[in-house]
Amino acid sequence: MEGLSRWVNLGFVFATLITWWVFGHLFESIFALKFIEHTNRHFLGENLTEASLYGLLLAVAFILVLWRNSNIYNSGLYIAQELKKVTWPSWADTKSSTKTVIIVSVIVACILATFDFTFQRITGMILGVS
């Protein structure tokens, strides 16, 4: 269980980073509104702004609340346990499957483009539009 909790905690750290990015952009958008008289000050260069600091604080608070919730944490442990049971495909299988999907997608796209072009011409002839 110790190894699984490490992965769950790492997932919460990753979720914090994503939430920080989202909240940082949200605060930047709010500060950019015309009716709010607030400037987005820069700290330590262009990338660290007041909006990103507010986003970081809100993200850390939000994820800490989720991390302290036993139901959410136990759900993360359950997901980690289930992922350990998964038989992951080998790299060769993954490459082969990816090539197959790309080839089939191109073939289907060509077929659909042919039908689209044909029906466009037929419809144009029926309606008298060139």
N, C-alpha and C. Protein backbone atom coordinates (compact mmCIF):
# COMPACT_ATOMS: atom_id res chain seq x y z
N MET A 1 0.82 -1.20 0.00
CA MET A 1 0.00 0.00 0.00
C MET A 1 0.86 1.26 0.00
N GLU A 2 2.10 1.16 0.52
CA GLU A 2 2.98 2.33 0.57
C GLU A 2 3.35 2.81 -0.82
N GLY A 3 3.67 1.88 -1.70
CA GLY A 3 4.03 2.26 -3.06
C GLY A 3 2.86 2.90 -3.79
N LEU A 4 1.65 2.43 -3.49
CA LEU A 4 0.47 3.00 -4.14
C LEU A 4 0.18 4.40 -3.64
N SER A 5 0.36 4.64 -2.34
CA SER A 5 0.10 5.98 -1.82
C SER A 5 1.09 6.99 -2.40
N ARG A 6 2.29 6.54 -2.70
CA ARG A 6 3.27 7.43 -3.33
C ARG A 6 2.76 7.87 -4.70
N TRP A 7 2.19 6.92 -5.47
CA TRP A 7 1.67 7.27 -6.79
C TRP A 7 0.45 8.18 -6.68
N VAL A 8 -0.39 7.92 -5.69
CA VAL A 8 -1.58 8.77 -5.50
C VAL A 8 -1.15 10.19 -5.13
N ASN A 9 -0.18 10.31 -4.24
CA ASN A 9 0.31 11.64 -3.86
C ASN A 9 0.95 12.34 -5.04
N LEU A 10 1.66 11.61 -5.88
CA LEU A 10 2.24 12.19 -7.08
C LEU A 10 1.13 12.67 -8.03
N GLY A 11 0.04 11.92 -8.08
CA GLY A 11 -1.11 12.35 -8.88
C GLY A 11 -1.70 13.64 -8.37
N PHE A 12 -1.75 13.80 -7.05
CA PHE A 12 -2.26 15.05 -6.48
C PHE A 12 -1.32 16.21 -6.79
N VAL A 13 -0.01 15.97 -6.80
CA VAL A 13 0.93 17.02 -7.17
C VAL A 13 0.72 17.42 -8.62
N PHE A 14 0.55 16.44 -9.50
CA PHE A 14 0.29 16.73 -10.91
C PHE A 14 -1.03 17.48 -11.07
N ALA A 15 -2.05 17.09 -10.31
CA ALA A 15 -3.34 17.78 -10.36
C ALA A 15 -3.19 19.23 -9.88
N THR A 16 -2.32 19.46 -8.90
CA THR A 16 -2.07 20.81 -8.42
C THR A 16 -1.47 21.67 -9.53
N LEU A 17 -0.52 21.11 -10.27
CA LEU A 17 0.11 21.87 -11.35
C LEU A 17 -0.90 22.22 -12.45
N ILE A 18 -1.74 21.26 -12.80
CA ILE A 18 -2.75 21.53 -13.83
C ILE A 18 -3.75 22.57 -13.33
N THR A 19 -4.17 22.43 -12.07
CA THR A 19 -5.14 23.37 -11.50
C THR A 19 -4.53 24.76 -11.39
N TRP A 20 -3.23 24.84 -11.07
CA TRP A 20 -2.55 26.13 -11.02
C TRP A 20 -2.58 26.78 -12.38
N TRP A 21 -2.31 26.02 -13.44
CA TRP A 21 -2.33 26.57 -14.79
C TRP A 21 -3.73 27.10 -15.14
N VAL A 22 -4.76 26.32 -14.81
CA VAL A 22 -6.13 26.73 -15.13
C VAL A 22 -6.52 27.97 -14.34
N PHE A 23 -6.29 27.95 -13.02
CA PHE A 23 -6.66 29.10 -12.20
C PHE A 23 -5.83 30.33 -12.54
N GLY A 24 -4.56 30.15 -12.88
CA GLY A 24 -3.73 31.28 -13.28
C GLY A 24 -4.28 31.97 -14.52
N HIS A 25 -4.67 31.18 -15.52
CA HIS A 25 -5.26 31.76 -16.73
C HIS A 25 -6.62 32.38 -16.44
N LEU A 26 -7.37 31.77 -15.52
CA LEU A 26 -8.66 32.34 -15.14
C LEU A 26 -8.47 33.72 -14.52
N PHE A 27 -7.52 33.86 -13.60
CA PHE A 27 -7.27 35.16 -12.98
C PHE A 27 -6.73 36.16 -14.00
N GLU A 28 -5.90 35.72 -14.93
CA GLU A 28 -5.43 36.62 -15.98
C GLU A 28 -6.59 37.14 -16.82
N SER A 29 -7.54 36.27 -17.11
CA SER A 29 -8.72 36.69 -17.88
C SER A 29 -9.58 37.66 -17.08
N ILE A 30 -9.71 37.40 -15.80
CA ILE A 30 -10.50 38.30 -14.95
C ILE A 30 -9.83 39.67 -14.87
N PHE A 31 -8.50 39.69 -14.70
CA PHE A 31 -7.79 40.96 -14.62
C PHE A 31 -7.83 41.72 -15.94
N ALA A 32 -8.02 41.03 -17.05
CA ALA A 32 -8.05 41.67 -18.36
C ALA A 32 -9.40 42.29 -18.69
N LEU A 33 -10.41 42.01 -17.87
CA LEU A 33 -11.73 42.57 -18.13
C LEU A 33 -11.70 44.09 -18.01
N LYS A 34 -12.52 44.75 -18.81
CA LYS A 34 -12.51 46.21 -18.87
C LYS A 34 -13.05 46.86 -17.60
N PHE A 35 -14.03 46.23 -16.96
CA PHE A 35 -14.67 46.88 -15.83
C PHE A 35 -13.93 46.66 -14.50
N ILE A 36 -12.84 45.90 -14.52
CA ILE A 36 -12.04 45.70 -13.31
C ILE A 36 -10.79 46.57 -13.43
N GLU A 37 -10.62 47.45 -12.50
CA GLU A 37 -9.47 48.34 -12.49
C GLU A 37 -8.35 47.71 -11.67
N HIS A 38 -7.69 46.70 -12.25
CA HIS A 38 -6.61 46.02 -11.55
C HIS A 38 -5.53 45.65 -12.55
N THR A 39 -4.29 45.96 -12.20
CA THR A 39 -3.18 45.60 -13.08
C THR A 39 -2.56 44.31 -12.60
N ASN A 40 -2.14 43.52 -13.53
CA ASN A 40 -1.52 42.23 -13.23
C ASN A 40 0.00 42.45 -13.10
N ARG A 41 0.45 42.64 -11.87
CA ARG A 41 1.87 42.95 -11.65
C ARG A 41 2.73 41.72 -11.89
N HIS A 42 3.97 41.99 -12.32
CA HIS A 42 4.93 40.92 -12.58
C HIS A 42 5.88 40.79 -11.40
N PHE A 43 6.15 39.52 -11.03
CA PHE A 43 7.12 39.21 -10.00
C PHE A 43 8.16 38.28 -10.61
N LEU A 44 9.39 38.54 -10.42
CA LEU A 44 10.49 37.68 -10.90
C LEU A 44 10.42 37.41 -12.40
N GLY A 45 10.09 38.41 -13.18
CA GLY A 45 10.06 38.25 -14.62
C GLY A 45 8.67 38.22 -15.19
N GLU A 46 8.58 37.86 -16.47
CA GLU A 46 7.32 37.88 -17.19
C GLU A 46 6.37 36.74 -16.81
N ASN A 47 6.92 35.59 -16.45
CA ASN A 47 6.08 34.40 -16.26
C ASN A 47 5.39 34.35 -14.90
N LEU A 48 5.96 34.96 -13.90
CA LEU A 48 5.35 34.92 -12.56
C LEU A 48 4.63 36.23 -12.32
N THR A 49 3.32 36.20 -12.45
CA THR A 49 2.51 37.40 -12.28
C THR A 49 1.64 37.27 -11.05
N GLU A 50 0.97 38.35 -10.73
CA GLU A 50 0.05 38.34 -9.59
C GLU A 50 -1.07 37.32 -9.82
N ALA A 51 -1.55 37.25 -11.05
CA ALA A 51 -2.61 36.29 -11.38
C ALA A 51 -2.14 34.86 -11.17
N SER A 52 -0.89 34.55 -11.57
CA SER A 52 -0.40 33.19 -11.40
C SER A 52 -0.17 32.87 -9.92
N LEU A 53 0.20 33.85 -9.12
CA LEU A 53 0.34 33.61 -7.68
C LEU A 53 -1.01 33.34 -7.03
N TYR A 54 -2.03 34.13 -7.42
CA TYR A 54 -3.38 33.85 -6.92
C TYR A 54 -3.85 32.47 -7.37
N GLY A 55 -3.54 32.12 -8.61
CA GLY A 55 -3.90 30.80 -9.11
C GLY A 55 -3.21 29.69 -8.34
N LEU A 56 -1.92 29.90 -8.00
CA LEU A 56 -1.19 28.90 -7.21
C LEU A 56 -1.80 28.73 -5.84
N LEU A 57 -2.10 29.83 -5.17
CA LEU A 57 -2.70 29.74 -3.83
C LEU A 57 -4.04 29.03 -3.86
N LEU A 58 -4.86 29.37 -4.85
CA LEU A 58 -6.17 28.74 -4.95
C LEU A 58 -6.04 27.26 -5.31
N ALA A 59 -5.09 26.93 -6.19
CA ALA A 59 -4.90 25.54 -6.59
C ALA A 59 -4.42 24.69 -5.42
N VAL A 60 -3.46 25.21 -4.66
CA VAL A 60 -2.95 24.46 -3.50
C VAL A 60 -4.07 24.25 -2.48
N ALA A 61 -4.85 25.29 -2.21
CA ALA A 61 -5.95 25.16 -1.26
C ALA A 61 -6.98 24.13 -1.76
N PHE A 62 -7.30 24.20 -3.03
CA PHE A 62 -8.30 23.30 -3.61
C PHE A 62 -7.83 21.85 -3.54
N ILE A 63 -6.58 21.60 -3.93
CA ILE A 63 -6.08 20.23 -3.93
C ILE A 63 -5.87 19.72 -2.51
N LEU A 64 -5.49 20.58 -1.59
CA LEU A 64 -5.36 20.14 -0.19
C LEU A 64 -6.70 19.69 0.38
N VAL A 65 -7.76 20.41 0.02
CA VAL A 65 -9.09 19.99 0.47
C VAL A 65 -9.43 18.62 -0.11
N LEU A 66 -9.13 18.43 -1.40
CA LEU A 66 -9.40 17.12 -2.02
C LEU A 66 -8.52 16.03 -1.42
N TRP A 67 -7.24 16.35 -1.16
CA TRP A 67 -6.30 15.37 -0.62
C TRP A 67 -6.71 14.93 0.79
N ARG A 68 -7.24 15.85 1.58
CA ARG A 68 -7.65 15.53 2.95
C ARG A 68 -8.97 14.77 3.00
N ASN A 69 -9.72 14.78 1.91
CA ASN A 69 -10.99 14.05 1.86
C ASN A 69 -10.68 12.56 1.72
N SER A 70 -11.08 11.78 2.71
CA SER A 70 -10.72 10.35 2.72
C SER A 70 -11.37 9.59 1.57
N ASN A 71 -12.59 9.97 1.17
CA ASN A 71 -13.25 9.27 0.06
C ASN A 71 -12.47 9.45 -1.24
N ILE A 72 -12.03 10.66 -1.51
CA ILE A 72 -11.29 10.93 -2.74
C ILE A 72 -9.93 10.24 -2.70
N TYR A 73 -9.24 10.31 -1.56
CA TYR A 73 -7.93 9.68 -1.45
C TYR A 73 -8.04 8.16 -1.59
N ASN A 74 -9.04 7.57 -0.95
CA ASN A 74 -9.23 6.12 -1.07
C ASN A 74 -9.62 5.72 -2.49
N SER A 75 -10.36 6.58 -3.18
CA SER A 75 -10.67 6.31 -4.58
C SER A 75 -9.40 6.31 -5.42
N GLY A 76 -8.49 7.23 -5.11
CA GLY A 76 -7.21 7.25 -5.80
C GLY A 76 -6.41 5.99 -5.55
N LEU A 77 -6.43 5.50 -4.30
CA LEU A 77 -5.75 4.24 -3.98
C LEU A 77 -6.37 3.07 -4.74
N TYR A 78 -7.70 3.06 -4.82
CA TYR A 78 -8.39 1.98 -5.54
C TYR A 78 -8.02 2.01 -7.02
N ILE A 79 -7.97 3.21 -7.60
CA ILE A 79 -7.59 3.33 -9.02
C ILE A 79 -6.16 2.83 -9.22
N ALA A 80 -5.26 3.19 -8.29
CA ALA A 80 -3.87 2.74 -8.40
C ALA A 80 -3.77 1.22 -8.29
N GLN A 81 -4.57 0.62 -7.40
CA GLN A 81 -4.58 -0.84 -7.28
C GLN A 81 -5.05 -1.49 -8.57
N GLU A 82 -6.08 -0.94 -9.18
CA GLU A 82 -6.61 -1.51 -10.42
C GLU A 82 -5.62 -1.34 -11.57
N LEU A 83 -4.90 -0.21 -11.60
CA LEU A 83 -3.93 0.01 -12.67
C LEU A 83 -2.74 -0.94 -12.55
N LYS A 84 -2.44 -1.40 -11.35
CA LYS A 84 -1.36 -2.38 -11.20
C LYS A 84 -1.74 -3.73 -11.81
N LYS A 85 -3.04 -4.01 -11.93
CA LYS A 85 -3.51 -5.27 -12.48
C LYS A 85 -3.54 -5.28 -14.01
N VAL A 86 -3.42 -4.12 -14.61
CA VAL A 86 -3.54 -3.99 -16.07
C VAL A 86 -2.32 -4.62 -16.73
N THR A 87 -2.57 -5.36 -17.79
CA THR A 87 -1.49 -5.89 -18.62
C THR A 87 -1.28 -4.90 -19.76
N TRP A 88 -0.20 -4.14 -19.68
CA TRP A 88 0.08 -3.11 -20.66
C TRP A 88 0.72 -3.73 -21.90
N PRO A 89 0.38 -3.22 -23.10
CA PRO A 89 0.97 -3.78 -24.32
C PRO A 89 2.46 -3.43 -24.43
N SER A 90 3.16 -4.25 -25.16
CA SER A 90 4.58 -3.98 -25.38
C SER A 90 4.73 -2.80 -26.35
N TRP A 91 5.96 -2.28 -26.45
CA TRP A 91 6.22 -1.15 -27.34
C TRP A 91 5.98 -1.55 -28.79
N ALA A 92 6.35 -2.77 -29.14
CA ALA A 92 6.14 -3.23 -30.52
C ALA A 92 4.65 -3.33 -30.84
N ASP A 93 3.86 -3.84 -29.89
CA ASP A 93 2.41 -3.91 -30.11
C ASP A 93 1.80 -2.52 -30.24
N THR A 94 2.28 -1.59 -29.43
CA THR A 94 1.76 -0.23 -29.48
C THR A 94 2.07 0.43 -30.82
N LYS A 95 3.31 0.26 -31.31
CA LYS A 95 3.67 0.84 -32.61
C LYS A 95 2.85 0.22 -33.73
N SER A 96 2.67 -1.09 -33.69
CA SER A 96 1.91 -1.78 -34.72
C SER A 96 0.45 -1.32 -34.73
N SER A 97 -0.14 -1.21 -33.56
CA SER A 97 -1.53 -0.76 -33.47
C SER A 97 -1.68 0.68 -33.93
N THR A 98 -0.71 1.52 -33.59
CA THR A 98 -0.77 2.92 -34.00
C THR A 98 -0.69 3.04 -35.51
N LYS A 99 0.20 2.27 -36.14
CA LYS A 99 0.30 2.30 -37.61
C LYS A 99 -1.00 1.85 -38.24
N THR A 100 -1.61 0.80 -37.69
CA THR A 100 -2.88 0.29 -38.22
C THR A 100 -3.96 1.35 -38.13
N VAL A 101 -4.06 2.03 -37.00
CA VAL A 101 -5.08 3.07 -36.82
C VAL A 101 -4.87 4.22 -37.80
N ILE A 102 -3.62 4.63 -38.00
CA ILE A 102 -3.34 5.73 -38.93
C ILE A 102 -3.71 5.34 -40.35
N ILE A 103 -3.35 4.13 -40.77
CA ILE A 103 -3.65 3.68 -42.13
C ILE A 103 -5.15 3.57 -42.35
N VAL A 104 -5.86 2.97 -41.41
CA VAL A 104 -7.32 2.84 -41.54
C VAL A 104 -7.98 4.22 -41.54
N SER A 105 -7.48 5.15 -40.73
CA SER A 105 -8.05 6.50 -40.69
C SER A 105 -7.86 7.21 -42.03
N VAL A 106 -6.71 7.06 -42.65
CA VAL A 106 -6.46 7.69 -43.95
C VAL A 106 -7.37 7.08 -45.00
N ILE A 107 -7.53 5.76 -45.00
CA ILE A 107 -8.40 5.10 -45.98
C ILE A 107 -9.84 5.57 -45.81
N VAL A 108 -10.33 5.60 -44.58
CA VAL A 108 -11.71 6.05 -44.34
C VAL A 108 -11.87 7.51 -44.73
N ALA A 109 -10.86 8.35 -44.45
CA ALA A 109 -10.93 9.76 -44.84
C ALA A 109 -11.01 9.90 -46.36
N CYS A 110 -10.26 9.09 -47.09
CA CYS A 110 -10.32 9.14 -48.55
C CYS A 110 -11.69 8.71 -49.07
N ILE A 111 -12.24 7.66 -48.49
CA ILE A 111 -13.58 7.20 -48.90
C ILE A 111 -14.62 8.27 -48.63
N LEU A 112 -14.57 8.88 -47.44
CA LEU A 112 -15.54 9.92 -47.10
C LEU A 112 -15.36 11.15 -47.99
N ALA A 113 -14.12 11.51 -48.31
CA ALA A 113 -13.89 12.64 -49.21
C ALA A 113 -14.45 12.37 -50.60
N THR A 114 -14.31 11.12 -51.08
CA THR A 114 -14.86 10.75 -52.38
C THR A 114 -16.38 10.86 -52.37
N PHE A 115 -17.02 10.33 -51.32
CA PHE A 115 -18.48 10.45 -51.22
C PHE A 115 -18.90 11.91 -51.13
N ASP A 116 -18.20 12.70 -50.36
CA ASP A 116 -18.53 14.12 -50.20
C ASP A 116 -18.43 14.84 -51.54
N PHE A 117 -17.34 14.62 -52.26
CA PHE A 117 -17.15 15.27 -53.56
C PHE A 117 -18.24 14.84 -54.55
N THR A 118 -18.54 13.53 -54.56
CA THR A 118 -19.56 13.01 -55.48
C THR A 118 -20.93 13.59 -55.16
N PHE A 119 -21.33 13.57 -53.90
CA PHE A 119 -22.65 14.10 -53.53
C PHE A 119 -22.72 15.61 -53.71
N GLN A 120 -21.59 16.30 -53.56
CA GLN A 120 -21.57 17.74 -53.80
C GLN A 120 -21.82 18.02 -55.28
N ARG A 121 -21.19 17.25 -56.16
CA ARG A 121 -21.39 17.42 -57.60
C ARG A 121 -22.83 17.09 -58.00
N ILE A 122 -23.35 15.99 -57.46
CA ILE A 122 -24.73 15.59 -57.80
C ILE A 122 -25.71 16.64 -57.32
N THR A 123 -25.53 17.11 -56.10
CA THR A 123 -26.42 18.15 -55.57
C THR A 123 -26.31 19.43 -56.39
N GLY A 124 -25.10 19.79 -56.79
CA GLY A 124 -24.91 20.98 -57.62
C GLY A 124 -25.59 20.86 -58.96
N MET A 125 -25.54 19.67 -59.58
CA MET A 125 -26.22 19.47 -60.85
C MET A 125 -27.73 19.52 -60.69
N ILE A 126 -28.25 18.95 -59.59
CA ILE A 126 -29.70 18.97 -59.36
C ILE A 126 -30.19 20.39 -59.13
N LEU A 127 -29.45 21.17 -58.35
CA LEU A 127 -29.87 22.53 -58.03
C LEU A 127 -29.44 23.53 -59.08
N GLY A 128 -28.62 23.13 -60.02
CA GLY A 128 -28.17 24.02 -61.09
C GLY A 128 -27.11 25.00 -60.62
N VAL A 129 -26.37 24.59 -59.62
CA VAL A 129 -25.29 25.44 -59.10
C VAL A 129 -23.97 24.78 -59.49
N SER A 130 -23.04 25.60 -59.97
CA SER A 130 -21.77 25.00 -60.39
C SER A 130 -20.79 24.97 -59.24
